[in-house]
Amino acid sequence: MVLVQRAQAEMQDGKLFDKAPKSAAGVRPVAFPDEILADVIEHLELYAGAGRDGHVFIGPQGGQLRRSNFRDDWIKARKDAGIAADVHFHDLRHTGNTLAAAGASTRELMTRMGHSTARAALIYQHMTADRDRAIADRLGSMIRQRQGNTGT
C-alpha cells in the first residue's frame, strides 16, 4: 500500500488548502511493516477522508483539521492512549524515524523521510548502546573472516 503524502496549510484568515511537500524528495511511497497493515486499513476506513485524495486525518465530524481544534483532539487521543503529557504530535514522527534509523544508511533515511539533505536525516541517527554493540560485533566478524582467509 502506498500513501501519498501532502501537507495541509491554514492561512491566518482560516482558509485551508493542500500544498505540495517542500521538495521533490517529499513525494514518495513509504513502506511500512506488514504487521500494522490491518491497523492502517482500519484507520483509513474509519477515520480518514474518502478516496485516493482523502486526508489521512480528519476531524470528528469528517472535516479538515484546523490548528484551533487539532490540539484538543491530540490531547484527548494522547490521554486515551496513556501517552505522557509532554509528548507532542510531531514527536511521533521523530520516534518513528529514530526507530527506522537503526541499521539504515543516511541515504536510506533521506529517501524514507523525504529529506533532500543529509543534515536533516542525521538528526535521527542517534547512537545507542545496542547499535554500538552491533557495530563492534560486525567489526569482529570482519576480523575473524580475514584471519580465516590468511591462515593466522
N, C-alpha and C. Protein backbone atom coordinates (compact mmCIF):
# COMPACT_ATOMS: atom_id res chain seq x y z
N MET A 1 0.86 -1.18 0.00
CA MET A 1 0.00 0.00 0.00
C MET A 1 0.90 1.24 0.00
N VAL A 2 0.55 2.20 -0.79
CA VAL A 2 1.31 3.44 -0.88
C VAL A 2 0.43 4.60 -0.45
N LEU A 3 0.92 5.38 0.48
CA LEU A 3 0.22 6.59 0.89
C LEU A 3 0.97 7.78 0.30
N VAL A 4 0.27 8.64 -0.41
CA VAL A 4 0.88 9.83 -0.98
C VAL A 4 0.78 10.94 0.05
N GLN A 5 1.92 11.47 0.43
CA GLN A 5 1.92 12.50 1.44
C GLN A 5 1.80 13.88 0.82
N ARG A 6 0.98 14.69 1.43
CA ARG A 6 0.88 16.10 1.07
C ARG A 6 0.52 16.84 2.34
N ALA A 7 0.78 18.08 2.36
CA ALA A 7 0.56 18.86 3.57
C ALA A 7 -0.71 19.69 3.44
N GLN A 8 -1.28 19.99 4.58
CA GLN A 8 -2.41 20.89 4.63
C GLN A 8 -1.93 22.16 5.32
N ALA A 9 -2.28 23.28 4.79
CA ALA A 9 -1.88 24.54 5.39
C ALA A 9 -3.11 25.35 5.76
N GLU A 10 -2.96 26.14 6.82
CA GLU A 10 -4.04 27.02 7.25
C GLU A 10 -3.51 28.45 7.25
N MET A 11 -4.17 29.30 6.50
CA MET A 11 -3.77 30.70 6.42
C MET A 11 -4.20 31.45 7.68
N GLN A 12 -3.65 32.62 7.87
CA GLN A 12 -4.00 33.45 9.03
C GLN A 12 -5.51 33.74 9.08
N ASP A 13 -6.12 33.84 7.89
CA ASP A 13 -7.56 34.14 7.84
C ASP A 13 -8.43 32.89 8.02
N GLY A 14 -7.79 31.72 8.25
CA GLY A 14 -8.53 30.49 8.49
C GLY A 14 -8.77 29.65 7.25
N LYS A 15 -8.41 30.15 6.06
CA LYS A 15 -8.60 29.39 4.83
C LYS A 15 -7.66 28.19 4.82
N LEU A 16 -8.20 27.02 4.47
CA LEU A 16 -7.42 25.79 4.38
C LEU A 16 -7.12 25.46 2.93
N PHE A 17 -5.91 24.92 2.68
CA PHE A 17 -5.59 24.44 1.35
C PHE A 17 -4.52 23.37 1.44
N ASP A 18 -4.52 22.50 0.44
CA ASP A 18 -3.48 21.47 0.35
C ASP A 18 -2.30 22.06 -0.38
N LYS A 19 -1.12 21.64 0.04
CA LYS A 19 0.08 22.11 -0.65
C LYS A 19 1.02 20.94 -0.85
N ALA A 20 1.87 21.08 -1.82
CA ALA A 20 2.83 20.03 -2.13
C ALA A 20 3.91 20.00 -1.04
N PRO A 21 4.60 18.88 -0.91
CA PRO A 21 5.73 18.83 0.03
C PRO A 21 6.78 19.88 -0.32
N LYS A 22 7.67 20.14 0.64
CA LYS A 22 8.69 21.19 0.48
C LYS A 22 9.62 20.94 -0.69
N SER A 23 9.91 19.67 -0.99
CA SER A 23 10.82 19.37 -2.10
C SER A 23 10.30 18.12 -2.82
N ALA A 24 10.89 17.82 -3.97
CA ALA A 24 10.50 16.63 -4.73
C ALA A 24 10.77 15.36 -3.92
N ALA A 25 11.71 15.41 -2.98
CA ALA A 25 12.01 14.25 -2.14
C ALA A 25 10.83 13.88 -1.26
N GLY A 26 9.91 14.82 -1.04
CA GLY A 26 8.75 14.56 -0.19
C GLY A 26 7.65 13.77 -0.88
N VAL A 27 7.78 13.57 -2.19
CA VAL A 27 6.79 12.79 -2.94
C VAL A 27 7.39 11.41 -3.15
N ARG A 28 6.89 10.43 -2.38
CA ARG A 28 7.48 9.11 -2.44
C ARG A 28 6.55 8.09 -1.80
N PRO A 29 6.70 6.83 -2.21
CA PRO A 29 5.99 5.77 -1.48
C PRO A 29 6.76 5.50 -0.18
N VAL A 30 6.05 5.14 0.85
CA VAL A 30 6.67 4.81 2.13
C VAL A 30 6.18 3.42 2.53
N ALA A 31 7.11 2.49 2.67
CA ALA A 31 6.77 1.13 3.08
C ALA A 31 6.57 1.10 4.60
N PHE A 32 5.73 0.19 5.03
CA PHE A 32 5.56 0.02 6.47
C PHE A 32 5.44 -1.48 6.75
N PRO A 33 5.65 -1.87 8.00
CA PRO A 33 5.63 -3.30 8.32
C PRO A 33 4.27 -3.94 8.05
N ASP A 34 4.30 -5.15 7.52
CA ASP A 34 3.06 -5.90 7.27
C ASP A 34 2.27 -6.07 8.56
N GLU A 35 2.96 -6.09 9.70
CA GLU A 35 2.30 -6.31 10.99
C GLU A 35 1.30 -5.23 11.34
N ILE A 36 1.39 -4.06 10.73
CA ILE A 36 0.44 -2.99 11.05
C ILE A 36 -0.55 -2.73 9.91
N LEU A 37 -0.52 -3.56 8.87
CA LEU A 37 -1.40 -3.35 7.72
C LEU A 37 -2.87 -3.30 8.13
N ALA A 38 -3.30 -4.22 8.97
CA ALA A 38 -4.70 -4.24 9.39
C ALA A 38 -5.07 -2.94 10.11
N ASP A 39 -4.16 -2.42 10.94
CA ASP A 39 -4.42 -1.16 11.65
C ASP A 39 -4.50 0.02 10.68
N VAL A 40 -3.63 0.03 9.67
CA VAL A 40 -3.65 1.11 8.68
C VAL A 40 -4.96 1.06 7.89
N ILE A 41 -5.35 -0.12 7.46
CA ILE A 41 -6.60 -0.25 6.70
C ILE A 41 -7.79 0.18 7.56
N GLU A 42 -7.82 -0.25 8.82
CA GLU A 42 -8.92 0.16 9.72
C GLU A 42 -8.96 1.67 9.87
N HIS A 43 -7.80 2.29 10.06
CA HIS A 43 -7.77 3.75 10.20
C HIS A 43 -8.30 4.42 8.94
N LEU A 44 -7.84 3.97 7.78
CA LEU A 44 -8.27 4.58 6.52
C LEU A 44 -9.78 4.41 6.31
N GLU A 45 -10.31 3.27 6.70
CA GLU A 45 -11.75 3.02 6.53
C GLU A 45 -12.62 3.81 7.50
N LEU A 46 -12.14 3.98 8.74
CA LEU A 46 -12.96 4.60 9.79
C LEU A 46 -12.66 6.06 10.08
N TYR A 47 -11.42 6.49 9.87
CA TYR A 47 -11.01 7.80 10.37
C TYR A 47 -10.38 8.72 9.33
N ALA A 48 -10.37 8.32 8.07
CA ALA A 48 -9.75 9.13 7.03
C ALA A 48 -10.79 9.58 6.02
N GLY A 49 -10.43 10.58 5.24
CA GLY A 49 -11.32 11.05 4.18
C GLY A 49 -11.43 10.01 3.08
N ALA A 50 -12.55 10.04 2.38
CA ALA A 50 -12.82 9.04 1.34
C ALA A 50 -11.97 9.28 0.10
N GLY A 51 -11.67 8.20 -0.58
CA GLY A 51 -11.00 8.27 -1.88
C GLY A 51 -9.51 8.45 -1.80
N ARG A 52 -8.90 8.37 -2.97
CA ARG A 52 -7.44 8.47 -3.08
C ARG A 52 -6.91 9.82 -2.61
N ASP A 53 -7.71 10.87 -2.76
CA ASP A 53 -7.28 12.20 -2.36
C ASP A 53 -7.76 12.60 -0.97
N GLY A 54 -8.39 11.66 -0.26
CA GLY A 54 -8.88 11.96 1.08
C GLY A 54 -7.74 12.17 2.07
N HIS A 55 -7.96 13.02 3.04
CA HIS A 55 -6.96 13.27 4.07
C HIS A 55 -6.86 12.07 5.01
N VAL A 56 -5.65 11.73 5.43
CA VAL A 56 -5.43 10.60 6.32
C VAL A 56 -5.99 10.89 7.71
N PHE A 57 -5.96 12.14 8.11
CA PHE A 57 -6.51 12.57 9.40
C PHE A 57 -7.58 13.61 9.15
N ILE A 58 -8.79 13.34 9.69
CA ILE A 58 -9.88 14.30 9.57
C ILE A 58 -10.47 14.55 10.95
N GLY A 59 -11.26 15.59 11.05
CA GLY A 59 -11.88 15.94 12.32
C GLY A 59 -13.02 14.99 12.67
N PRO A 60 -13.52 15.09 13.90
CA PRO A 60 -14.58 14.18 14.37
C PRO A 60 -15.85 14.19 13.52
N GLN A 61 -16.16 15.33 12.88
CA GLN A 61 -17.35 15.40 12.02
C GLN A 61 -16.99 15.20 10.54
N GLY A 62 -15.76 14.78 10.26
CA GLY A 62 -15.35 14.49 8.90
C GLY A 62 -14.71 15.64 8.15
N GLY A 63 -14.61 16.80 8.77
CA GLY A 63 -13.99 17.95 8.11
C GLY A 63 -12.48 17.95 8.26
N GLN A 64 -11.86 18.90 7.58
CA GLN A 64 -10.42 19.04 7.67
C GLN A 64 -10.02 19.53 9.06
N LEU A 65 -8.87 19.09 9.50
CA LEU A 65 -8.37 19.53 10.80
C LEU A 65 -7.87 20.97 10.73
N ARG A 66 -8.09 21.68 11.80
CA ARG A 66 -7.60 23.05 11.93
C ARG A 66 -6.72 23.12 13.16
N ARG A 67 -5.80 24.09 13.14
CA ARG A 67 -4.94 24.28 14.32
C ARG A 67 -5.78 24.45 15.57
N SER A 68 -6.87 25.18 15.45
CA SER A 68 -7.68 25.53 16.62
C SER A 68 -8.35 24.32 17.26
N ASN A 69 -8.67 23.27 16.47
CA ASN A 69 -9.31 22.11 17.09
C ASN A 69 -8.40 20.90 17.17
N PHE A 70 -7.30 20.89 16.44
CA PHE A 70 -6.43 19.73 16.46
C PHE A 70 -5.80 19.51 17.84
N ARG A 71 -5.44 20.60 18.49
CA ARG A 71 -4.80 20.47 19.80
C ARG A 71 -5.69 19.69 20.76
N ASP A 72 -6.96 20.01 20.81
CA ASP A 72 -7.89 19.30 21.69
C ASP A 72 -8.02 17.83 21.30
N ASP A 73 -8.08 17.56 19.99
CA ASP A 73 -8.16 16.17 19.51
C ASP A 73 -6.90 15.40 19.89
N TRP A 74 -5.73 16.02 19.73
CA TRP A 74 -4.46 15.37 20.07
C TRP A 74 -4.39 15.08 21.57
N ILE A 75 -4.77 16.04 22.39
CA ILE A 75 -4.71 15.84 23.85
C ILE A 75 -5.61 14.67 24.25
N LYS A 76 -6.82 14.61 23.69
CA LYS A 76 -7.73 13.52 24.02
C LYS A 76 -7.15 12.18 23.57
N ALA A 77 -6.66 12.12 22.34
CA ALA A 77 -6.09 10.86 21.82
C ALA A 77 -4.87 10.44 22.64
N ARG A 78 -4.04 11.41 22.98
CA ARG A 78 -2.84 11.12 23.78
C ARG A 78 -3.22 10.56 25.15
N LYS A 79 -4.20 11.17 25.80
CA LYS A 79 -4.66 10.69 27.11
C LYS A 79 -5.28 9.30 26.99
N ASP A 80 -6.12 9.09 25.97
CA ASP A 80 -6.76 7.78 25.77
C ASP A 80 -5.72 6.68 25.56
N ALA A 81 -4.60 7.03 24.93
CA ALA A 81 -3.54 6.04 24.66
C ALA A 81 -2.57 5.91 25.82
N GLY A 82 -2.73 6.73 26.86
CA GLY A 82 -1.83 6.66 28.00
C GLY A 82 -0.45 7.22 27.73
N ILE A 83 -0.37 8.19 26.82
CA ILE A 83 0.91 8.81 26.46
C ILE A 83 1.13 10.03 27.33
N ALA A 84 2.36 10.23 27.77
CA ALA A 84 2.71 11.33 28.67
C ALA A 84 2.32 12.69 28.09
N ALA A 85 2.01 13.63 28.99
CA ALA A 85 1.54 14.96 28.59
C ALA A 85 2.58 15.77 27.84
N ASP A 86 3.86 15.46 28.02
CA ASP A 86 4.89 16.26 27.35
C ASP A 86 5.23 15.75 25.94
N VAL A 87 4.46 14.79 25.44
CA VAL A 87 4.67 14.27 24.09
C VAL A 87 3.82 15.07 23.10
N HIS A 88 4.48 15.63 22.11
CA HIS A 88 3.79 16.41 21.08
C HIS A 88 3.53 15.53 19.86
N PHE A 89 2.60 15.93 19.02
CA PHE A 89 2.24 15.14 17.84
C PHE A 89 3.46 14.88 16.96
N HIS A 90 4.28 15.90 16.74
CA HIS A 90 5.45 15.73 15.86
C HIS A 90 6.46 14.75 16.46
N ASP A 91 6.41 14.52 17.77
CA ASP A 91 7.30 13.55 18.41
C ASP A 91 7.06 12.15 17.86
N LEU A 92 5.86 11.87 17.35
CA LEU A 92 5.58 10.56 16.77
C LEU A 92 6.45 10.34 15.53
N ARG A 93 6.58 11.38 14.71
CA ARG A 93 7.45 11.28 13.53
C ARG A 93 8.89 11.07 13.95
N HIS A 94 9.33 11.82 14.94
CA HIS A 94 10.71 11.70 15.40
C HIS A 94 10.98 10.28 15.93
N THR A 95 10.05 9.76 16.72
CA THR A 95 10.23 8.42 17.27
C THR A 95 10.27 7.38 16.15
N GLY A 96 9.34 7.46 15.23
CA GLY A 96 9.31 6.51 14.11
C GLY A 96 10.58 6.57 13.29
N ASN A 97 11.07 7.76 13.02
CA ASN A 97 12.28 7.90 12.22
C ASN A 97 13.51 7.44 12.99
N THR A 98 13.53 7.66 14.29
CA THR A 98 14.66 7.18 15.10
C THR A 98 14.68 5.65 15.09
N LEU A 99 13.52 5.03 15.23
CA LEU A 99 13.46 3.56 15.17
C LEU A 99 13.88 3.06 13.79
N ALA A 100 13.46 3.74 12.75
CA ALA A 100 13.81 3.34 11.39
C ALA A 100 15.30 3.50 11.13
N ALA A 101 15.96 4.39 11.84
CA ALA A 101 17.37 4.67 11.62
C ALA A 101 18.27 3.52 12.05
N ALA A 102 17.78 2.63 12.90
CA ALA A 102 18.61 1.53 13.39
C ALA A 102 19.03 0.65 12.22
N GLY A 103 20.29 0.73 11.86
CA GLY A 103 20.81 -0.10 10.77
C GLY A 103 20.64 0.48 9.39
N ALA A 104 20.02 1.64 9.25
CA ALA A 104 19.82 2.24 7.93
C ALA A 104 20.94 3.22 7.61
N SER A 105 21.25 3.34 6.35
CA SER A 105 22.25 4.33 5.92
C SER A 105 21.60 5.71 5.89
N THR A 106 22.42 6.73 5.84
CA THR A 106 21.90 8.09 5.76
C THR A 106 21.06 8.27 4.49
N ARG A 107 21.51 7.72 3.37
CA ARG A 107 20.76 7.83 2.10
C ARG A 107 19.40 7.14 2.22
N GLU A 108 19.36 5.97 2.87
CA GLU A 108 18.09 5.27 3.05
C GLU A 108 17.13 6.10 3.90
N LEU A 109 17.65 6.71 4.96
CA LEU A 109 16.81 7.56 5.81
C LEU A 109 16.31 8.77 5.04
N MET A 110 17.18 9.39 4.27
CA MET A 110 16.77 10.55 3.49
C MET A 110 15.61 10.20 2.57
N THR A 111 15.71 9.07 1.90
CA THR A 111 14.67 8.64 0.97
C THR A 111 13.38 8.34 1.73
N ARG A 112 13.48 7.59 2.83
CA ARG A 112 12.29 7.20 3.59
C ARG A 112 11.56 8.41 4.16
N MET A 113 12.32 9.38 4.66
CA MET A 113 11.72 10.53 5.34
C MET A 113 11.40 11.68 4.40
N GLY A 114 11.86 11.59 3.16
CA GLY A 114 11.58 12.66 2.21
C GLY A 114 12.47 13.87 2.40
N HIS A 115 13.67 13.64 2.92
CA HIS A 115 14.60 14.75 3.11
C HIS A 115 15.50 14.88 1.89
N SER A 116 15.80 16.10 1.50
CA SER A 116 16.67 16.32 0.36
C SER A 116 18.11 16.55 0.77
N THR A 117 18.37 16.65 2.10
CA THR A 117 19.74 16.84 2.57
C THR A 117 20.06 15.82 3.66
N ALA A 118 21.33 15.47 3.75
CA ALA A 118 21.78 14.53 4.79
C ALA A 118 21.63 15.16 6.18
N ARG A 119 21.78 16.45 6.27
CA ARG A 119 21.72 17.13 7.57
C ARG A 119 20.41 16.81 8.31
N ALA A 120 19.30 16.84 7.60
CA ALA A 120 18.02 16.57 8.24
C ALA A 120 17.94 15.11 8.70
N ALA A 121 18.42 14.18 7.88
CA ALA A 121 18.35 12.76 8.23
C ALA A 121 19.26 12.42 9.41
N LEU A 122 20.37 13.10 9.54
CA LEU A 122 21.33 12.80 10.61
C LEU A 122 20.75 13.04 12.00
N ILE A 123 19.74 13.88 12.09
CA ILE A 123 19.11 14.15 13.38
C ILE A 123 18.60 12.86 14.01
N TYR A 124 18.18 11.91 13.19
CA TYR A 124 17.55 10.69 13.68
C TYR A 124 18.53 9.55 13.93
N GLN A 125 19.78 9.73 13.56
CA GLN A 125 20.76 8.67 13.73
C GLN A 125 21.46 8.80 15.08
N HIS A 126 20.71 8.55 16.14
CA HIS A 126 21.27 8.58 17.48
C HIS A 126 22.08 7.32 17.71
N MET A 127 23.22 7.47 18.38
CA MET A 127 24.00 6.30 18.75
C MET A 127 23.38 5.69 20.00
N THR A 128 23.14 4.41 19.95
CA THR A 128 22.61 3.71 21.12
C THR A 128 23.57 2.58 21.48
N ALA A 129 23.50 2.11 22.72
CA ALA A 129 24.39 1.06 23.18
C ALA A 129 24.23 -0.21 22.34
N ASP A 130 23.00 -0.55 21.96
CA ASP A 130 22.81 -1.77 21.18
C ASP A 130 23.38 -1.62 19.77
N ARG A 131 23.29 -0.42 19.19
CA ARG A 131 23.90 -0.20 17.87
C ARG A 131 25.41 -0.22 17.97
N ASP A 132 25.97 0.33 19.06
CA ASP A 132 27.41 0.30 19.25
C ASP A 132 27.89 -1.15 19.34
N ARG A 133 27.14 -1.99 20.06
CA ARG A 133 27.48 -3.41 20.18
C ARG A 133 27.40 -4.09 18.82
N ALA A 134 26.37 -3.77 18.04
CA ALA A 134 26.21 -4.38 16.71
C ALA A 134 27.37 -3.99 15.79
N ILE A 135 27.82 -2.75 15.88
CA ILE A 135 28.96 -2.31 15.07
C ILE A 135 30.21 -3.07 15.48
N ALA A 136 30.44 -3.19 16.80
CA ALA A 136 31.61 -3.93 17.30
C ALA A 136 31.55 -5.39 16.86
N ASP A 137 30.37 -6.00 16.93
CA ASP A 137 30.23 -7.40 16.52
C ASP A 137 30.50 -7.56 15.02
N ARG A 138 30.03 -6.60 14.22
CA ARG A 138 30.29 -6.66 12.77
C ARG A 138 31.78 -6.53 12.48
N LEU A 139 32.47 -5.64 13.20
CA LEU A 139 33.91 -5.50 13.03
C LEU A 139 34.63 -6.79 13.44
N GLY A 140 34.17 -7.40 14.54
CA GLY A 140 34.76 -8.67 14.97
C GLY A 140 34.59 -9.75 13.92
N SER A 141 33.42 -9.80 13.30
CA SER A 141 33.16 -10.77 12.24
C SER A 141 34.11 -10.56 11.07
N MET A 142 34.35 -9.30 10.72
CA MET A 142 35.27 -8.99 9.63
C MET A 142 36.69 -9.45 9.97
N ILE A 143 37.08 -9.24 11.22
CA ILE A 143 38.42 -9.66 11.67
C ILE A 143 38.54 -11.18 11.60
N ARG A 144 37.51 -11.88 12.12
CA ARG A 144 37.55 -13.35 12.10
C ARG A 144 37.59 -13.87 10.67
N GLN A 145 36.83 -13.24 9.78
CA GLN A 145 36.82 -13.65 8.39
C GLN A 145 38.20 -13.46 7.77
N ARG A 146 38.81 -12.33 8.04
CA ARG A 146 40.14 -12.03 7.49
C ARG A 146 41.17 -13.01 8.05
N GLN A 147 41.08 -13.31 9.35
CA GLN A 147 42.02 -14.24 9.96
C GLN A 147 41.86 -15.64 9.35
N GLY A 148 40.63 -16.01 9.06
CA GLY A 148 40.37 -17.31 8.45
C GLY A 148 40.93 -17.40 7.06
N ASN A 149 40.95 -16.27 6.33
CA ASN A 149 41.46 -16.25 4.95
C ASN A 149 42.97 -16.27 4.88
N THR A 150 43.64 -15.80 5.95
CA THR A 150 45.11 -15.72 5.90
C THR A 150 45.77 -16.88 6.62
N GLY A 151 44.96 -17.71 7.29
CA GLY A 151 45.51 -18.86 7.99
C GLY A 151 46.15 -18.53 9.32
N THR A 152 45.94 -17.31 9.85
CA THR A 152 46.52 -16.97 11.15
C THR A 152 45.59 -17.26 12.27
